[in-house]
Amino acid sequence: MTLIALAVACPFSVTLGYVGMCAASPFGTCRKCNGFGFGMETDRKGRPKRGKSCRRCKATGKRIRVGRWLFNRAQRIYREGTH
């Protein structure tokens, strides 16, 4: 395989893999709360305790992936445009 063909095939395969992951699992863990749904705090003795609910994921611990969000937006625009 030539170097140019490899340079084209590598990003294409990564993109295809991300599209497959967005189709199979559209939700990923929240990056702010690490999937807990709330922040971790410590009490005065240093023991971990439950903090406030995460506002970014609304305390579910899951967020929609960027690729799936873009796909949903494009699908909605197309659907409204053909109406």
C-alpha atoms as a PDB file:
ATOM      1  CA  MET A   1       0.000   0.000   0.000  1.00  0.00           C
ATOM      2  CA  THR A   2       1.411   3.352  -0.920  1.00  0.00           C
ATOM      3  CA  LEU A   3       1.880   6.104   1.607  1.00  0.00           C
ATOM      4  CA  ILE A   4      -0.847   8.302   0.100  1.00  0.00           C
ATOM      5  CA  ALA A   5      -3.385   5.489   0.122  1.00  0.00           C
ATOM      6  CA  LEU A   6      -2.497   4.777   3.750  1.00  0.00           C
ATOM      7  CA  ALA A   7      -2.903   8.472   4.615  1.00  0.00           C
ATOM      8  CA  VAL A   8      -6.397   8.410   3.103  1.00  0.00           C
ATOM      9  CA  ALA A   9      -7.447   5.052   4.551  1.00  0.00           C
ATOM     10  CA  CYS A  10      -6.434   5.746   8.167  1.00  0.00           C
ATOM     11  CA  PRO A  11      -8.689   8.807   8.846  1.00  0.00           C
ATOM     12  CA  PHE A  12     -11.490   7.140   6.880  1.00  0.00           C
ATOM     13  CA  SER A  13     -11.355   4.034   9.062  1.00  0.00           C
ATOM     14  CA  VAL A  14     -11.280   6.129  12.256  1.00  0.00           C
ATOM     15  CA  THR A  15     -14.305   8.125  11.078  1.00  0.00           C
ATOM     16  CA  LEU A  16     -16.159   4.970  10.101  1.00  0.00           C
ATOM     17  CA  GLY A  17     -15.417   3.479  13.521  1.00  0.00           C
ATOM     18  CA  TYR A  18     -16.752   6.585  15.301  1.00  0.00           C
ATOM     19  CA  VAL A  19     -19.918   6.533  13.178  1.00  0.00           C
ATOM     20  CA  GLY A  20     -20.426   2.886  14.104  1.00  0.00           C
ATOM     21  CA  MET A  21     -19.905   3.651  17.775  1.00  0.00           C
ATOM     22  CA  CYS A  22     -22.416   6.534  17.643  1.00  0.00           C
ATOM     23  CA  ALA A  23     -24.961   4.248  15.984  1.00  0.00           C
ATOM     24  CA  ALA A  24     -24.445   1.380  18.440  1.00  0.00           C
ATOM     25  CA  SER A  25     -24.106   3.464  21.606  1.00  0.00           C
ATOM     26  CA  PRO A  26     -25.431   7.024  21.175  1.00  0.00           C
ATOM     27  CA  PHE A  27     -24.884   7.943  24.831  1.00  0.00           C
ATOM     28  CA  GLY A  28     -21.526   8.189  26.588  1.00  0.00           C
ATOM     29  CA  THR A  29     -20.633   8.899  30.187  1.00  0.00           C
ATOM     30  CA  CYS A  30     -20.702  12.505  31.335  1.00  0.00           C
ATOM     31  CA  ARG A  31     -17.215  14.012  31.426  1.00  0.00           C
ATOM     32  CA  LYS A  32     -18.017  16.384  34.272  1.00  0.00           C
ATOM     33  CA  CYS A  33     -19.271  13.838  36.827  1.00  0.00           C
ATOM     34  CA  ASN A  34     -17.604  10.695  35.344  1.00  0.00           C
ATOM     35  CA  GLY A  35     -20.969   8.960  35.029  1.00  0.00           C
ATOM     36  CA  PHE A  36     -21.947   9.284  38.699  1.00  0.00           C
ATOM     37  CA  GLY A  37     -24.636  11.906  38.125  1.00  0.00           C
ATOM     38  CA  PHE A  38     -23.305  13.981  40.998  1.00  0.00           C
ATOM     39  CA  GLY A  39     -20.069  15.551  42.102  1.00  0.00           C
ATOM     40  CA  MET A  40     -17.897  14.045  44.799  1.00  0.00           C
ATOM     41  CA  GLU A  41     -17.009  16.099  47.856  1.00  0.00           C
ATOM     42  CA  THR A  42     -15.225  15.272  51.068  1.00  0.00           C
ATOM     43  CA  ASP A  43     -16.450  15.865  54.575  1.00  0.00           C
ATOM     44  CA  ARG A  44     -14.308  17.327  57.366  1.00  0.00           C
ATOM     45  CA  LYS A  45     -12.716  13.952  58.091  1.00  0.00           C
ATOM     46  CA  GLY A  46     -11.682  13.499  54.453  1.00  0.00           C
ATOM     47  CA  ARG A  47     -14.210  10.808  53.604  1.00  0.00           C
ATOM     48  CA  PRO A  48     -15.894  11.069  50.190  1.00  0.00           C
ATOM     49  CA  LYS A  49     -19.561  12.020  50.180  1.00  0.00           C
ATOM     50  CA  ARG A  50     -22.182  12.803  47.594  1.00  0.00           C
ATOM     51  CA  GLY A  51     -22.115  16.348  46.250  1.00  0.00           C
ATOM     52  CA  LYS A  52     -24.597  18.314  44.170  1.00  0.00           C
ATOM     53  CA  SER A  53     -26.391  16.803  41.192  1.00  0.00           C
ATOM     54  CA  CYS A  54     -24.660  17.319  37.852  1.00  0.00           C
ATOM     55  CA  ARG A  55     -26.307  20.068  35.803  1.00  0.00           C
ATOM     56  CA  ARG A  56     -24.655  19.026  32.551  1.00  0.00           C
ATOM     57  CA  CYS A  57     -26.223  15.550  32.384  1.00  0.00           C
ATOM     58  CA  LYS A  58     -29.216  16.339  34.651  1.00  0.00           C
ATOM     59  CA  ALA A  59     -28.067  13.710  37.193  1.00  0.00           C
ATOM     60  CA  THR A  60     -28.330  10.782  34.738  1.00  0.00           C
ATOM     61  CA  GLY A  61     -24.603  10.257  34.232  1.00  0.00           C
ATOM     62  CA  LYS A  62     -25.091   9.956  30.460  1.00  0.00           C
ATOM     63  CA  ARG A  63     -24.616  12.489  27.655  1.00  0.00           C
ATOM     64  CA  ILE A  64     -25.378  12.267  23.964  1.00  0.00           C
ATOM     65  CA  ARG A  65     -22.267  11.936  21.800  1.00  0.00           C
ATOM     66  CA  VAL A  66     -21.269  14.794  19.486  1.00  0.00           C
ATOM     67  CA  GLY A  67     -21.608  12.675  16.341  1.00  0.00           C
ATOM     68  CA  ARG A  68     -25.088  11.526  17.317  1.00  0.00           C
ATOM     69  CA  TRP A  69     -26.091  15.108  18.174  1.00  0.00           C
ATOM     70  CA  LEU A  70     -24.959  16.265  14.701  1.00  0.00           C
ATOM     71  CA  PHE A  71     -26.809  13.374  13.034  1.00  0.00           C
ATOM     72  CA  ASN A  72     -30.019  14.151  14.944  1.00  0.00           C
ATOM     73  CA  ARG A  73     -29.749  17.849  14.044  1.00  0.00           C
ATOM     74  CA  ALA A  74     -29.214  17.097  10.324  1.00  0.00           C
ATOM     75  CA  GLN A  75     -32.100  14.641  10.329  1.00  0.00           C
ATOM     76  CA  ARG A  76     -34.407  17.192  11.982  1.00  0.00           C
ATOM     77  CA  ILE A  77     -33.452  19.928   9.471  1.00  0.00           C
ATOM     78  CA  TYR A  78     -34.048  17.560   6.551  1.00  0.00           C
ATOM     79  CA  ARG A  79     -37.403  16.433   7.935  1.00  0.00           C
ATOM     80  CA  GLU A  80     -38.590  20.002   8.478  1.00  0.00           C
ATOM     81  CA  GLY A  81     -37.333  21.069   5.053  1.00  0.00           C
ATOM     82  CA  THR A  82     -39.264  18.401   3.177  1.00  0.00           C
ATOM     83  CA  HIS A  83     -42.509  19.097   4.979  1.00  0.00           C
END
